[in-house]
N, C-alpha and C. Protein backbone atom coordinates (compact mmCIF):
# COMPACT_ATOMS: atom_id res chain seq x y z
N MET A 1 27.96 27.46 10.01
CA MET A 1 27.44 26.40 10.57
C MET A 1 26.62 25.44 9.50
N GLN A 2 26.52 25.05 9.43
CA GLN A 2 26.15 23.90 8.69
C GLN A 2 24.39 23.73 8.75
N GLU A 3 23.29 23.91 7.92
CA GLU A 3 22.38 23.78 8.37
C GLU A 3 21.84 22.62 8.70
N MET A 4 20.63 22.14 9.48
CA MET A 4 20.49 20.92 9.29
C MET A 4 19.22 20.54 8.87
N HIS A 5 19.26 19.22 7.51
CA HIS A 5 17.62 19.10 7.55
C HIS A 5 17.42 17.90 7.76
N GLU A 6 16.10 17.72 8.36
CA GLU A 6 15.20 16.44 9.29
C GLU A 6 14.87 15.82 7.98
N ILE A 7 14.69 14.80 7.74
CA ILE A 7 14.59 13.50 7.36
C ILE A 7 13.24 12.87 7.90
N ARG A 8 12.15 12.94 7.29
CA ARG A 8 10.76 12.47 8.02
C ARG A 8 10.21 11.91 7.33
N MET A 9 9.43 10.64 8.03
CA MET A 9 8.53 10.17 6.56
C MET A 9 7.29 10.98 6.10
N PRO A 10 6.76 10.64 4.36
CA PRO A 10 5.80 11.22 4.51
C PRO A 10 4.60 10.86 5.04
N ILE A 11 3.32 11.78 5.10
CA ILE A 11 2.51 11.48 5.75
C ILE A 11 1.23 11.34 4.84
N LEU A 12 0.04 10.53 5.46
CA LEU A 12 -0.81 10.26 4.01
C LEU A 12 -1.71 12.01 3.46
N GLY A 13 -2.11 11.62 2.27
CA GLY A 13 -2.59 13.09 1.61
C GLY A 13 -0.94 13.97 0.92
N GLU A 14 -0.55 13.53 1.51
CA GLU A 14 1.34 14.24 0.27
C GLU A 14 2.01 13.61 -0.59
N LYS A 15 2.35 14.43 -1.75
CA LYS A 15 2.66 13.69 -2.69
C LYS A 15 4.10 12.63 -2.31
N PHE A 16 4.04 11.81 -3.09
CA PHE A 16 4.89 10.74 -2.55
C PHE A 16 6.11 11.32 -3.09
N PRO A 17 7.21 10.99 -2.54
CA PRO A 17 8.68 12.39 -2.71
C PRO A 17 9.57 11.81 -4.20
N ALA A 18 9.74 12.57 -4.82
CA ALA A 18 10.35 11.87 -6.30
C ALA A 18 11.73 11.33 -5.67
N LEU A 19 11.82 10.06 -6.19
CA LEU A 19 13.07 9.18 -6.21
C LEU A 19 13.21 8.75 -7.34
N LYS A 20 14.18 8.62 -7.76
CA LYS A 20 15.27 8.02 -8.93
C LYS A 20 15.92 6.57 -8.21
N VAL A 21 15.39 5.41 -8.43
CA VAL A 21 16.07 4.16 -8.19
C VAL A 21 16.51 2.85 -9.11
N GLN A 22 17.26 2.00 -8.59
CA GLN A 22 17.87 0.98 -9.21
C GLN A 22 16.88 0.12 -8.98
N THR A 23 16.42 -0.76 -9.79
CA THR A 23 15.79 -1.94 -9.64
C THR A 23 16.18 -3.51 -10.63
N THR A 24 15.48 -4.19 -10.01
CA THR A 24 15.59 -5.48 -11.08
C THR A 24 15.12 -5.76 -11.93
N HIS A 25 14.25 -3.97 -13.01
CA HIS A 25 13.69 -4.24 -14.07
C HIS A 25 14.57 -2.72 -14.78
N GLY A 26 15.34 -2.19 -13.90
CA GLY A 26 15.88 -0.93 -14.54
C GLY A 26 16.10 0.46 -13.54
N ILE A 27 16.38 0.93 -14.26
CA ILE A 27 16.15 2.64 -13.20
C ILE A 27 14.78 2.88 -13.42
N LYS A 28 14.21 3.51 -12.08
CA LYS A 28 12.89 3.78 -12.49
C LYS A 28 13.03 5.07 -11.85
N THR A 29 12.17 6.49 -12.21
CA THR A 29 11.61 7.07 -11.03
C THR A 29 10.47 7.36 -10.63
N LEU A 30 9.88 7.12 -9.25
CA LEU A 30 9.08 7.41 -8.71
C LEU A 30 8.56 8.96 -8.00
N PRO A 31 7.60 9.28 -8.19
CA PRO A 31 5.97 8.16 -9.09
C PRO A 31 6.16 8.56 -10.08
N ASP A 32 6.83 9.33 -11.01
CA ASP A 32 6.47 9.77 -12.43
C ASP A 32 5.94 8.48 -12.96
N ASP A 33 7.04 7.55 -13.49
CA ASP A 33 6.63 6.14 -13.89
C ASP A 33 5.28 5.76 -13.88
N TYR A 34 4.65 6.45 -12.87
CA TYR A 34 3.86 5.05 -12.40
C TYR A 34 2.19 6.01 -12.98
N LYS A 35 2.34 7.35 -13.47
CA LYS A 35 1.33 8.34 -13.89
C LYS A 35 0.26 7.54 -14.26
N GLY A 36 -0.87 7.97 -13.47
CA GLY A 36 -2.07 7.63 -14.07
C GLY A 36 -2.52 6.30 -13.49
N LYS A 37 -1.78 5.48 -12.57
CA LYS A 37 -1.69 4.24 -11.76
C LYS A 37 -1.19 4.22 -10.60
N TRP A 38 -2.29 3.29 -9.96
CA TRP A 38 -1.79 3.43 -8.10
C TRP A 38 -0.65 2.46 -8.30
N PHE A 39 0.32 2.39 -7.23
CA PHE A 39 1.20 1.50 -7.30
C PHE A 39 1.36 1.17 -5.71
N ILE A 40 1.88 0.12 -5.08
CA ILE A 40 2.43 -0.08 -4.02
C ILE A 40 3.95 -0.36 -3.67
N LEU A 41 4.10 0.28 -2.83
CA LEU A 41 5.75 0.42 -2.51
C LEU A 41 6.25 -0.41 -1.31
N PHE A 42 6.33 -1.72 -1.43
CA PHE A 42 6.59 -2.31 -0.12
C PHE A 42 8.00 -2.88 0.27
N SER A 43 8.15 -2.65 1.61
CA SER A 43 9.84 -3.11 1.83
C SER A 43 10.03 -4.55 2.46
N HIS A 44 10.94 -5.10 2.53
CA HIS A 44 11.14 -6.36 3.32
C HIS A 44 12.53 -5.99 3.96
N PRO A 45 12.99 -6.86 4.86
CA PRO A 45 14.08 -6.35 6.01
C PRO A 45 15.28 -7.02 5.10
N ALA A 46 15.28 -8.37 4.40
CA ALA A 46 16.13 -8.52 3.46
C ALA A 46 16.12 -9.86 2.75
N ASP A 47 16.72 -9.97 1.16
CA ASP A 47 17.00 -11.09 0.12
C ASP A 47 17.07 -12.74 1.70
N PHE A 48 16.75 -13.64 0.78
CA PHE A 48 17.24 -15.14 1.84
C PHE A 48 16.62 -15.11 2.98
N THR A 49 15.37 -14.35 3.21
CA THR A 49 15.00 -14.85 4.65
C THR A 49 13.60 -15.67 4.68
N PRO A 50 13.10 -16.28 5.38
CA PRO A 50 11.74 -17.35 5.36
C PRO A 50 10.77 -16.41 5.27
N VAL A 51 10.75 -15.24 6.35
CA VAL A 51 8.80 -14.63 5.89
C VAL A 51 8.82 -13.50 4.49
N CYS A 52 10.13 -13.15 4.27
CA CYS A 52 9.66 -12.04 3.65
C CYS A 52 10.19 -13.12 1.84
N THR A 53 10.39 -14.74 1.94
CA THR A 53 9.75 -15.24 1.10
C THR A 53 8.42 -15.57 0.87
N THR A 54 7.80 -15.99 2.29
CA THR A 54 6.92 -16.01 1.69
C THR A 54 5.75 -15.10 1.36
N GLU A 55 6.37 -13.69 2.02
CA GLU A 55 5.39 -12.49 1.63
C GLU A 55 5.58 -12.18 -0.06
N PHE A 56 7.05 -12.55 -0.68
CA PHE A 56 7.17 -11.92 -2.14
C PHE A 56 6.51 -13.17 -2.80
N VAL A 57 6.20 -14.21 -2.58
CA VAL A 57 5.43 -15.63 -3.26
C VAL A 57 3.92 -15.29 -3.14
N SER A 58 3.40 -14.96 -1.86
CA SER A 58 2.29 -14.20 -1.87
C SER A 58 1.94 -12.66 -2.97
N PHE A 59 2.41 -11.85 -2.69
CA PHE A 59 2.52 -10.79 -3.37
C PHE A 59 2.38 -11.27 -4.96
N ALA A 60 3.72 -12.12 -5.44
CA ALA A 60 3.03 -12.21 -6.92
C ALA A 60 1.94 -12.95 -6.87
N LYS A 61 1.67 -14.35 -6.18
CA LYS A 61 0.54 -15.21 -6.48
C LYS A 61 -0.74 -14.02 -6.44
N HIS A 62 -1.01 -12.89 -5.72
CA HIS A 62 -1.75 -11.78 -5.59
C HIS A 62 -1.96 -10.47 -7.07
N LYS A 63 -0.86 -10.82 -7.82
CA LYS A 63 -0.52 -9.90 -8.90
C LYS A 63 -2.01 -10.02 -9.72
N PRO A 64 -2.81 -11.42 -9.77
CA PRO A 64 -3.39 -10.43 -11.08
C PRO A 64 -5.09 -9.41 -10.29
N GLN A 65 -4.84 -9.51 -9.35
CA GLN A 65 -6.07 -9.02 -8.41
C GLN A 65 -5.25 -7.80 -8.84
N PHE A 66 -4.34 -7.17 -8.30
CA PHE A 66 -3.49 -5.83 -8.24
C PHE A 66 -3.96 -5.39 -9.44
N ASP A 67 -3.83 -6.40 -10.38
CA ASP A 67 -3.73 -5.85 -11.89
C ASP A 67 -5.32 -5.59 -11.82
N GLU A 68 -6.58 -6.17 -11.88
CA GLU A 68 -7.99 -5.67 -11.86
C GLU A 68 -7.81 -4.25 -10.99
N LEU A 69 -7.09 -4.03 -10.27
CA LEU A 69 -7.32 -2.51 -9.98
C LEU A 69 -6.35 -1.96 -10.25
N SER A 70 -5.33 -2.00 -11.16
CA SER A 70 -4.58 -0.77 -12.42
C SER A 70 -3.76 -0.60 -11.05
N THR A 71 -3.53 -1.71 -10.42
CA THR A 71 -2.30 -1.20 -9.16
C THR A 71 -0.78 -1.90 -9.24
N GLU A 72 0.39 -1.19 -9.66
CA GLU A 72 1.68 -1.74 -9.47
C GLU A 72 2.31 -2.20 -8.28
N LEU A 73 3.28 -3.39 -8.31
CA LEU A 73 3.71 -4.16 -7.03
C LEU A 73 5.18 -2.85 -7.37
N ILE A 74 5.91 -2.90 -6.19
CA ILE A 74 7.41 -2.64 -6.51
C ILE A 74 8.32 -3.03 -4.86
N GLY A 75 8.78 -3.87 -4.85
CA GLY A 75 9.82 -4.23 -3.44
C GLY A 75 10.42 -3.56 -3.50
N LEU A 76 11.41 -3.26 -2.25
CA LEU A 76 12.40 -3.06 -1.65
C LEU A 76 12.80 -2.92 -0.40
N SER A 77 14.60 -3.38 -0.26
CA SER A 77 15.29 -3.61 0.67
C SER A 77 16.88 -3.32 0.88
N ILE A 78 17.52 -2.79 1.52
CA ILE A 78 19.09 -2.61 1.93
C ILE A 78 19.93 -3.74 1.53
N ASP A 79 19.12 -3.91 -0.29
CA ASP A 79 20.41 -5.04 -0.71
C ASP A 79 20.85 -4.56 -2.21
N GLN A 80 22.06 -5.28 -2.42
CA GLN A 80 22.71 -4.94 -3.88
C GLN A 80 21.25 -5.78 -4.78
N VAL A 81 21.76 -5.17 -6.43
CA VAL A 81 20.50 -5.83 -6.88
C VAL A 81 20.65 -7.16 -7.42
N PHE A 82 22.21 -7.48 -7.62
CA PHE A 82 22.73 -8.65 -7.77
C PHE A 82 22.20 -10.03 -6.71
N SER A 83 22.12 -9.57 -5.65
CA SER A 83 20.90 -10.31 -4.26
C SER A 83 19.53 -10.72 -4.97
N HIS A 84 18.85 -9.34 -5.05
CA HIS A 84 18.36 -9.98 -5.44
C HIS A 84 17.56 -10.23 -6.63
N ILE A 85 18.30 -9.98 -7.11
CA ILE A 85 18.55 -11.20 -8.93
C ILE A 85 18.52 -12.76 -8.48
N LYS A 86 19.52 -12.98 -7.78
CA LYS A 86 19.82 -14.59 -7.44
C LYS A 86 18.41 -14.96 -6.19
N TRP A 87 18.00 -14.04 -5.61
CA TRP A 87 17.14 -14.14 -4.49
C TRP A 87 15.81 -14.69 -5.45
N THR A 88 15.23 -13.96 -6.44
CA THR A 88 14.11 -14.37 -7.15
C THR A 88 14.48 -15.29 -8.49
N GLU A 89 15.69 -15.81 -9.21
CA GLU A 89 16.17 -16.51 -9.21
C GLU A 89 15.66 -18.35 -8.71
N TRP A 90 16.11 -18.08 -7.40
CA TRP A 90 16.00 -18.75 -6.09
C TRP A 90 14.65 -19.39 -5.84
N ILE A 91 13.60 -18.06 -5.59
CA ILE A 91 12.06 -18.50 -5.57
C ILE A 91 11.52 -19.55 -6.79
N LYS A 92 12.22 -18.91 -7.60
CA LYS A 92 11.41 -19.66 -9.17
C LYS A 92 12.13 -21.43 -9.25
N GLU A 93 13.37 -21.10 -8.78
CA GLU A 93 14.01 -22.95 -9.18
C GLU A 93 13.42 -23.39 -7.97
N LYS A 94 13.22 -23.02 -6.40
CA LYS A 94 12.59 -23.68 -5.98
C LYS A 94 11.26 -23.71 -5.15
N LEU A 95 10.78 -22.94 -5.70
CA LEU A 95 8.57 -22.90 -5.34
C LEU A 95 8.22 -22.68 -6.70
N ASN A 96 9.06 -22.60 -7.46
CA ASN A 96 8.06 -22.28 -8.83
C ASN A 96 7.17 -21.55 -9.13
N VAL A 97 7.73 -19.94 -8.68
CA VAL A 97 6.94 -18.59 -8.51
C VAL A 97 7.91 -17.44 -9.12
N GLU A 98 7.63 -17.03 -9.92
CA GLU A 98 8.57 -16.16 -10.77
C GLU A 98 7.82 -15.24 -9.97
N ILE A 99 8.94 -14.22 -9.68
CA ILE A 99 8.63 -12.60 -8.86
C ILE A 99 8.50 -11.68 -10.44
N PRO A 100 7.14 -11.09 -10.74
CA PRO A 100 6.81 -10.26 -11.58
C PRO A 100 6.86 -8.88 -11.64
N PHE A 101 7.20 -8.31 -10.56
CA PHE A 101 8.16 -6.91 -10.38
C PHE A 101 8.82 -6.49 -10.20
N PRO A 102 9.64 -5.20 -10.07
CA PRO A 102 10.79 -4.57 -9.88
C PRO A 102 10.69 -5.14 -8.85
N ILE A 103 12.11 -5.13 -7.61
CA ILE A 103 12.70 -4.88 -6.62
C ILE A 103 13.71 -3.44 -6.53
N ILE A 104 13.50 -2.75 -5.75
CA ILE A 104 14.76 -1.63 -5.75
C ILE A 104 15.35 -2.07 -4.66
N ALA A 105 16.47 -1.34 -5.11
CA ALA A 105 18.09 -2.09 -4.25
C ALA A 105 18.51 -1.01 -4.08
N ASP A 106 18.35 -0.89 -2.58
CA ASP A 106 18.55 0.43 -1.88
C ASP A 106 19.98 0.15 -1.00
N ASP A 107 20.97 -0.20 -1.39
CA ASP A 107 21.77 -0.55 -0.92
C ASP A 107 22.72 0.26 -0.02
N MET A 108 21.74 1.55 0.03
CA MET A 108 22.86 2.98 0.06
C MET A 108 22.09 3.30 1.74
N GLY A 109 20.54 2.49 1.46
CA GLY A 109 19.77 2.87 2.59
C GLY A 109 19.53 4.44 2.20
N GLN A 110 19.26 4.67 1.37
CA GLN A 110 18.55 6.57 0.99
C GLN A 110 17.40 6.18 0.68
N VAL A 111 16.42 5.31 -0.10
CA VAL A 111 15.51 5.51 0.07
C VAL A 111 14.26 4.89 1.29
N ALA A 112 15.19 4.25 1.81
CA ALA A 112 14.46 3.94 3.41
C ALA A 112 14.49 4.82 4.17
N LYS A 113 15.82 5.78 4.34
CA LYS A 113 15.83 6.56 5.35
C LYS A 113 14.59 8.07 4.85
N THR A 114 14.49 8.49 3.61
CA THR A 114 13.21 9.10 3.09
C THR A 114 12.31 8.79 3.43
N LEU A 115 11.73 7.68 3.13
CA LEU A 115 10.32 6.67 3.57
C LEU A 115 10.09 7.06 5.37
N GLY A 116 11.22 6.91 5.94
CA GLY A 116 10.99 6.29 7.51
C GLY A 116 11.37 5.01 7.71
N MET A 117 11.63 4.03 7.28
CA MET A 117 11.84 2.40 7.08
C MET A 117 12.76 1.70 7.56
N ILE A 118 13.85 2.67 8.38
CA ILE A 118 14.77 1.68 9.35
C ILE A 118 13.99 1.68 10.45
N HIS A 119 14.06 -0.19 11.05
CA HIS A 119 14.02 -0.30 12.07
C HIS A 119 14.65 0.15 12.74
N PRO A 120 14.40 0.83 14.50
CA PRO A 120 15.42 2.00 15.08
C PRO A 120 16.57 0.46 16.07
N THR A 121 15.93 -0.85 15.67
CA THR A 121 16.92 -1.43 16.84
C THR A 121 17.13 -2.89 16.23
N LYS A 122 16.82 -2.76 14.55
CA LYS A 122 17.17 -4.18 13.97
C LYS A 122 18.34 -3.39 13.10
N GLY A 123 19.60 -2.65 13.46
CA GLY A 123 20.40 -2.48 12.73
C GLY A 123 19.93 -1.51 10.96
N THR A 124 20.38 -1.82 10.31
CA THR A 124 20.22 -1.07 8.66
C THR A 124 18.68 -2.03 8.29
N ASN A 125 18.47 -2.84 9.24
CA ASN A 125 17.30 -3.35 7.80
C ASN A 125 16.06 -2.97 7.91
N THR A 126 15.00 -2.54 7.37
CA THR A 126 13.83 -2.06 7.18
C THR A 126 12.59 -2.97 8.17
N VAL A 127 11.90 -1.90 8.30
CA VAL A 127 10.56 -2.54 8.56
C VAL A 127 9.96 -2.79 7.53
N ARG A 128 8.81 -3.98 8.03
CA ARG A 128 7.77 -3.97 6.79
C ARG A 128 6.57 -3.48 6.18
N ALA A 129 6.81 -2.36 5.50
CA ALA A 129 6.19 -1.53 5.31
C ALA A 129 5.15 -0.95 4.33
N VAL A 130 4.47 -0.99 4.11
CA VAL A 130 3.52 -0.72 3.17
C VAL A 130 2.95 0.70 2.67
N PHE A 131 3.40 1.68 1.15
CA PHE A 131 2.96 2.47 1.01
C PHE A 131 1.62 2.30 -0.47
N VAL A 132 0.43 3.04 0.00
CA VAL A 132 -0.17 3.07 -1.28
C VAL A 132 0.13 4.47 -1.83
N VAL A 133 -0.20 4.21 -3.09
CA VAL A 133 0.04 5.75 -3.79
C VAL A 133 -0.65 5.70 -4.68
N ASP A 134 -1.89 7.01 -4.92
CA ASP A 134 -2.94 6.82 -6.06
C ASP A 134 -2.42 7.34 -7.29
N ASP A 135 -3.35 7.46 -8.60
CA ASP A 135 -3.07 7.59 -9.83
C ASP A 135 -2.51 8.74 -9.74
N LYS A 136 -2.49 9.37 -8.88
CA LYS A 136 -2.45 11.02 -9.00
C LYS A 136 -1.06 11.67 -8.34
N GLY A 137 0.17 10.32 -7.89
CA GLY A 137 0.96 10.45 -7.45
C GLY A 137 0.63 10.63 -5.43
N VAL A 138 0.00 10.46 -5.15
CA VAL A 138 -0.73 10.92 -3.71
C VAL A 138 -0.61 9.67 -2.61
N LEU A 139 0.28 10.21 -1.67
CA LEU A 139 -0.21 9.35 -0.41
C LEU A 139 -1.23 8.69 0.79
N ARG A 140 -1.61 7.67 0.41
CA ARG A 140 -2.91 7.19 0.58
C ARG A 140 -3.23 6.46 1.37
N LEU A 141 -2.01 5.15 2.06
CA LEU A 141 -2.12 4.47 2.82
C LEU A 141 -0.76 4.16 3.26
N ILE A 142 -0.57 3.95 5.03
CA ILE A 142 0.67 3.33 4.84
C ILE A 142 0.38 2.62 6.03
N MET A 143 1.26 1.22 5.91
CA MET A 143 1.03 -0.07 7.21
C MET A 143 2.57 -0.20 7.31
N TYR A 144 2.69 -0.53 8.77
CA TYR A 144 3.92 -0.96 9.10
C TYR A 144 3.84 -2.31 9.80
N TYR A 145 4.48 -3.16 9.53
CA TYR A 145 4.37 -4.37 10.71
C TYR A 145 5.95 -4.67 11.01
N PRO A 146 6.39 -5.63 11.76
CA PRO A 146 7.77 -5.77 12.59
C PRO A 146 8.10 -6.58 11.61
N GLN A 147 9.60 -7.25 12.14
CA GLN A 147 10.11 -8.40 11.03
C GLN A 147 9.39 -9.22 11.59
N GLU A 148 8.67 -9.50 12.52
CA GLU A 148 8.38 -10.58 13.29
C GLU A 148 6.89 -11.11 12.44
N ILE A 149 6.91 -10.91 11.93
CA ILE A 149 5.13 -10.97 11.34
C ILE A 149 5.02 -10.06 10.18
N GLY A 150 4.75 -11.22 9.23
CA GLY A 150 4.25 -11.41 7.94
C GLY A 150 2.78 -10.99 7.41
N ARG A 151 2.82 -9.88 6.36
CA ARG A 151 1.94 -9.14 6.33
C ARG A 151 0.63 -10.45 5.66
N ASN A 152 -0.59 -9.39 5.70
CA ASN A 152 -1.71 -10.07 5.02
C ASN A 152 -2.10 -9.38 3.84
N ILE A 153 -1.70 -10.12 2.39
CA ILE A 153 -2.33 -9.83 1.23
C ILE A 153 -2.99 -9.19 0.81
N ASP A 154 -4.05 -10.58 1.31
CA ASP A 154 -5.62 -10.40 1.20
C ASP A 154 -6.13 -8.64 1.71
N GLU A 155 -5.46 -8.21 2.75
CA GLU A 155 -5.69 -6.87 3.39
C GLU A 155 -5.18 -5.99 2.63
N ILE A 156 -4.51 -5.85 2.05
CA ILE A 156 -3.40 -5.09 1.10
C ILE A 156 -4.64 -4.62 -0.01
N VAL A 157 -5.09 -6.02 -1.13
CA VAL A 157 -5.87 -5.89 -1.84
C VAL A 157 -7.32 -5.09 -1.82
N ARG A 158 -7.64 -5.52 -0.70
CA ARG A 158 -9.00 -5.13 0.24
C ARG A 158 -8.87 -3.71 0.38
N ALA A 159 -7.98 -3.21 1.09
CA ALA A 159 -7.31 -1.66 1.64
C ALA A 159 -7.51 -0.89 -0.09
N VAL A 160 -6.67 -1.13 -1.32
CA VAL A 160 -6.79 -0.65 -2.08
C VAL A 160 -8.27 -0.77 -2.96
N LYS A 161 -8.70 -1.99 -2.77
CA LYS A 161 -10.28 -1.75 -3.40
C LYS A 161 -10.85 -0.47 -2.55
N ALA A 162 -11.25 -0.60 -1.42
CA ALA A 162 -11.93 0.22 -0.88
C ALA A 162 -11.60 1.38 -1.13
N LEU A 163 -9.99 2.30 -1.01
CA LEU A 163 -9.96 3.54 -1.22
C LEU A 163 -10.19 3.82 -2.38
N GLN A 164 -10.17 3.26 -3.80
CA GLN A 164 -10.73 2.97 -4.97
C GLN A 164 -12.02 3.35 -5.04
N THR A 165 -12.64 2.70 -4.36
CA THR A 165 -14.50 2.87 -4.45
C THR A 165 -14.99 4.04 -3.39
N SER A 166 -14.40 4.18 -2.21
CA SER A 166 -14.54 5.57 -1.60
C SER A 166 -14.37 6.63 -2.92
N ASP A 167 -13.36 6.56 -3.09
CA ASP A 167 -12.86 7.84 -3.93
C ASP A 167 -13.96 8.03 -5.71
N LYS A 168 -14.19 6.68 -5.77
CA LYS A 168 -15.32 6.95 -7.04
C LYS A 168 -16.59 7.21 -6.35
N ASN A 169 -17.23 6.64 -5.42
CA ASN A 169 -18.39 6.78 -4.61
C ASN A 169 -18.58 7.97 -3.75
N LYS A 170 -17.42 8.33 -3.34
CA LYS A 170 -17.59 10.07 -2.79
C LYS A 170 -18.68 9.12 -0.91
N VAL A 171 -17.93 8.02 -0.76
CA VAL A 171 -18.15 7.64 0.40
C VAL A 171 -17.37 6.92 1.47
N ALA A 172 -17.71 6.68 2.50
CA ALA A 172 -16.91 5.83 3.82
C ALA A 172 -17.16 4.57 3.78
N LEU A 173 -16.06 3.90 3.96
CA LEU A 173 -16.22 2.15 4.54
C LEU A 173 -16.42 1.78 5.52
N PRO A 174 -17.15 0.57 6.05
CA PRO A 174 -16.79 0.17 7.12
C PRO A 174 -16.13 -0.86 7.59
N ALA A 175 -15.75 -1.29 9.20
CA ALA A 175 -14.99 -2.38 8.93
C ALA A 175 -15.20 -3.35 8.43
N ASN A 176 -13.94 -4.09 7.91
CA ASN A 176 -14.15 -5.60 7.30
C ASN A 176 -15.06 -5.22 6.07
N TRP A 177 -15.35 -4.39 5.56
CA TRP A 177 -15.69 -4.10 4.20
C TRP A 177 -15.12 -4.90 3.25
N PRO A 178 -15.95 -5.38 2.35
CA PRO A 178 -17.00 -5.83 2.23
C PRO A 178 -18.16 -6.55 2.85
N ASN A 179 -17.41 -7.41 4.16
CA ASN A 179 -18.31 -8.32 4.68
C ASN A 179 -18.34 -7.38 6.34
N ASN A 180 -18.74 -6.36 6.52
CA ASN A 180 -19.19 -5.65 7.82
C ASN A 180 -20.26 -7.00 8.60
N GLU A 181 -19.75 -6.38 10.12
CA GLU A 181 -20.85 -7.81 10.47
C GLU A 181 -22.28 -6.36 10.09
N ILE A 182 -22.23 -5.33 10.09
CA ILE A 182 -23.75 -4.88 10.90
C ILE A 182 -24.55 -4.09 9.07
N ILE A 183 -23.67 -4.13 8.59
CA ILE A 183 -24.35 -3.27 7.47
C ILE A 183 -23.53 -3.80 6.26
N LYS A 184 -23.07 -5.17 6.18
CA LYS A 184 -22.53 -6.11 5.13
C LYS A 184 -21.82 -5.06 3.80
N ASP A 185 -22.42 -5.52 2.81
CA ASP A 185 -21.50 -4.56 1.74
C ASP A 185 -21.69 -3.64 1.51
N HIS A 186 -22.41 -2.60 2.11
CA HIS A 186 -23.11 -1.28 2.43
C HIS A 186 -21.82 -0.06 2.16
N ALA A 187 -22.18 0.87 2.10
CA ALA A 187 -21.53 1.99 2.07
C ALA A 187 -22.04 3.31 3.24
N ILE A 188 -21.25 3.57 3.81
CA ILE A 188 -22.00 4.48 4.99
C ILE A 188 -21.44 6.02 4.02
N VAL A 189 -22.99 6.93 4.27
CA VAL A 189 -23.15 8.23 3.38
C VAL A 189 -22.11 9.27 4.38
N PRO A 190 -21.94 10.12 3.78
CA PRO A 190 -21.01 11.24 4.73
C PRO A 190 -22.08 11.20 5.87
N PRO A 191 -21.31 12.56 6.69
CA PRO A 191 -22.18 12.93 7.52
C PRO A 191 -22.94 14.12 7.30
N ALA A 192 -24.14 14.95 7.50
CA ALA A 192 -24.90 15.56 7.44
C ALA A 192 -23.90 16.57 8.12
N SER A 193 -24.04 17.93 7.24
CA SER A 193 -23.28 19.41 7.53
C SER A 193 -24.14 20.52 8.15
N ASP A 194 -25.75 19.94 8.03
CA ASP A 194 -26.67 20.64 8.65
C ASP A 194 -27.86 20.66 9.02
N VAL A 195 -28.64 20.68 9.58
CA VAL A 195 -30.16 20.42 10.03
C VAL A 195 -30.47 19.85 9.49
N LYS A 196 -30.93 20.72 8.08
CA LYS A 196 -31.98 20.17 7.15
C LYS A 196 -31.81 18.82 6.90
N THR A 197 -30.51 19.05 6.32
CA THR A 197 -29.83 17.33 5.49
C THR A 197 -29.97 16.20 6.97
N ALA A 198 -29.68 16.70 7.93
CA ALA A 198 -30.11 15.35 8.78
C ALA A 198 -31.23 14.74 8.92
N GLU A 199 -32.31 15.69 8.89
CA GLU A 199 -33.54 15.51 8.94
C GLU A 199 -34.22 14.93 8.14
N GLN A 200 -33.54 14.97 6.67
CA GLN A 200 -33.77 14.50 5.50
C GLN A 200 -33.05 12.98 5.02
N ARG A 201 -32.49 12.98 6.25
CA ARG A 201 -31.25 11.39 6.09
C ARG A 201 -32.39 9.93 5.85
N GLN A 202 -32.41 10.30 6.79
CA GLN A 202 -33.97 9.10 7.35
C GLN A 202 -35.07 9.01 6.15
N GLU A 203 -34.91 9.34 5.28
CA GLU A 203 -35.90 9.36 4.28
C GLU A 203 -35.11 8.93 3.29
N GLN A 204 -34.24 9.36 2.97
CA GLN A 204 -33.54 9.05 1.76
C GLN A 204 -32.02 7.58 1.84
N TYR A 205 -31.88 7.08 3.04
CA TYR A 205 -31.01 6.05 3.17
C TYR A 205 -31.57 5.38 4.21
N GLU A 206 -31.13 4.81 4.54
CA GLU A 206 -31.33 3.14 5.37
C GLU A 206 -30.56 3.86 6.48
N CYS A 207 -30.71 3.96 7.80
CA CYS A 207 -30.08 4.43 8.85
C CYS A 207 -30.62 3.66 10.04
N PHE A 208 -29.59 4.13 11.55
CA PHE A 208 -29.63 3.26 12.35
C PHE A 208 -30.12 5.30 13.01
N ASP A 209 -29.40 6.08 12.61
CA ASP A 209 -29.87 7.57 13.07
C ASP A 209 -29.49 8.41 12.05
N TRP A 210 -29.63 9.40 12.24
CA TRP A 210 -29.66 10.76 11.21
C TRP A 210 -27.53 10.20 11.22
N TRP A 211 -26.79 10.15 12.16
CA TRP A 211 -25.50 10.78 11.38
C TRP A 211 -24.77 8.70 11.16
N PHE A 212 -25.90 7.99 10.92
CA PHE A 212 -25.39 7.00 10.47
C PHE A 212 -26.04 6.20 9.71
N CYS A 213 -26.08 6.39 8.10
CA CYS A 213 -26.81 6.38 7.54
C CYS A 213 -25.98 5.15 6.21
N HIS A 214 -26.08 4.38 5.46
CA HIS A 214 -26.09 3.78 4.56
C HIS A 214 -26.71 3.28 3.53
N LYS A 215 -25.66 2.65 2.56
CA LYS A 215 -26.62 3.00 1.24
C LYS A 215 -26.03 1.68 0.45
N PRO A 216 -26.49 1.24 -0.78
CA PRO A 216 -25.51 0.35 -1.32
C PRO A 216 -24.99 1.01 -2.46
N LEU A 217 -23.95 -0.19 -3.12
CA LEU A 217 -22.93 0.65 -4.05
C LEU A 217 -23.63 0.36 -5.40
N ASP A 218 -23.75 1.59 -6.17
CA ASP A 218 -24.09 0.98 -7.51
C ASP A 218 -23.49 -0.03 -7.89
N LYS A 219 -24.07 -1.18 -8.56
CA LYS A 219 -23.20 -2.27 -9.17
C LYS A 219 -22.46 -1.76 -10.51
């Protein structure tokens, strides 16, 4: 009897699965080709569709912000490479926007299946997935959107910046950071792990209580 292997999407904290992919910029190996850099792999349901076109234009216009975060962009859909090329030509011709990042041609759907991106009620189309991978090849964030809703690219930029800031400063960051309604652009100090530390917290930081202390980030 042939052994069945379950295909499941990777989870946060795992290494991003090794994938060799055909893109509009040639063959790439993930995550090795991006070693030492963060990257975002994002899928779209199909080329030559309105919502996806608006997303690609927005990703392209936000690229300088991703560059500042040393973060690369990679698109994907279950289309052939010639379709990707023609679509990006159309975007440049009609909307005067050049798509500067590679797009994976996953025409057999293997990458989408490996990453759990196939929409269960939409045939072979992918959901609007976002995978944020850090400079060590570890999956740090996953976002899923339905086909009907375009993504907020500003939020993706914010999330990457927040992850990198959290790593660098060993802190947590509040809702809507850096514009939180309670503590503004401050960071949250990790919780105390013993009674003595809990007692010292309110002397060391600004606190609402020993379990909710915050501080400004180093400039």
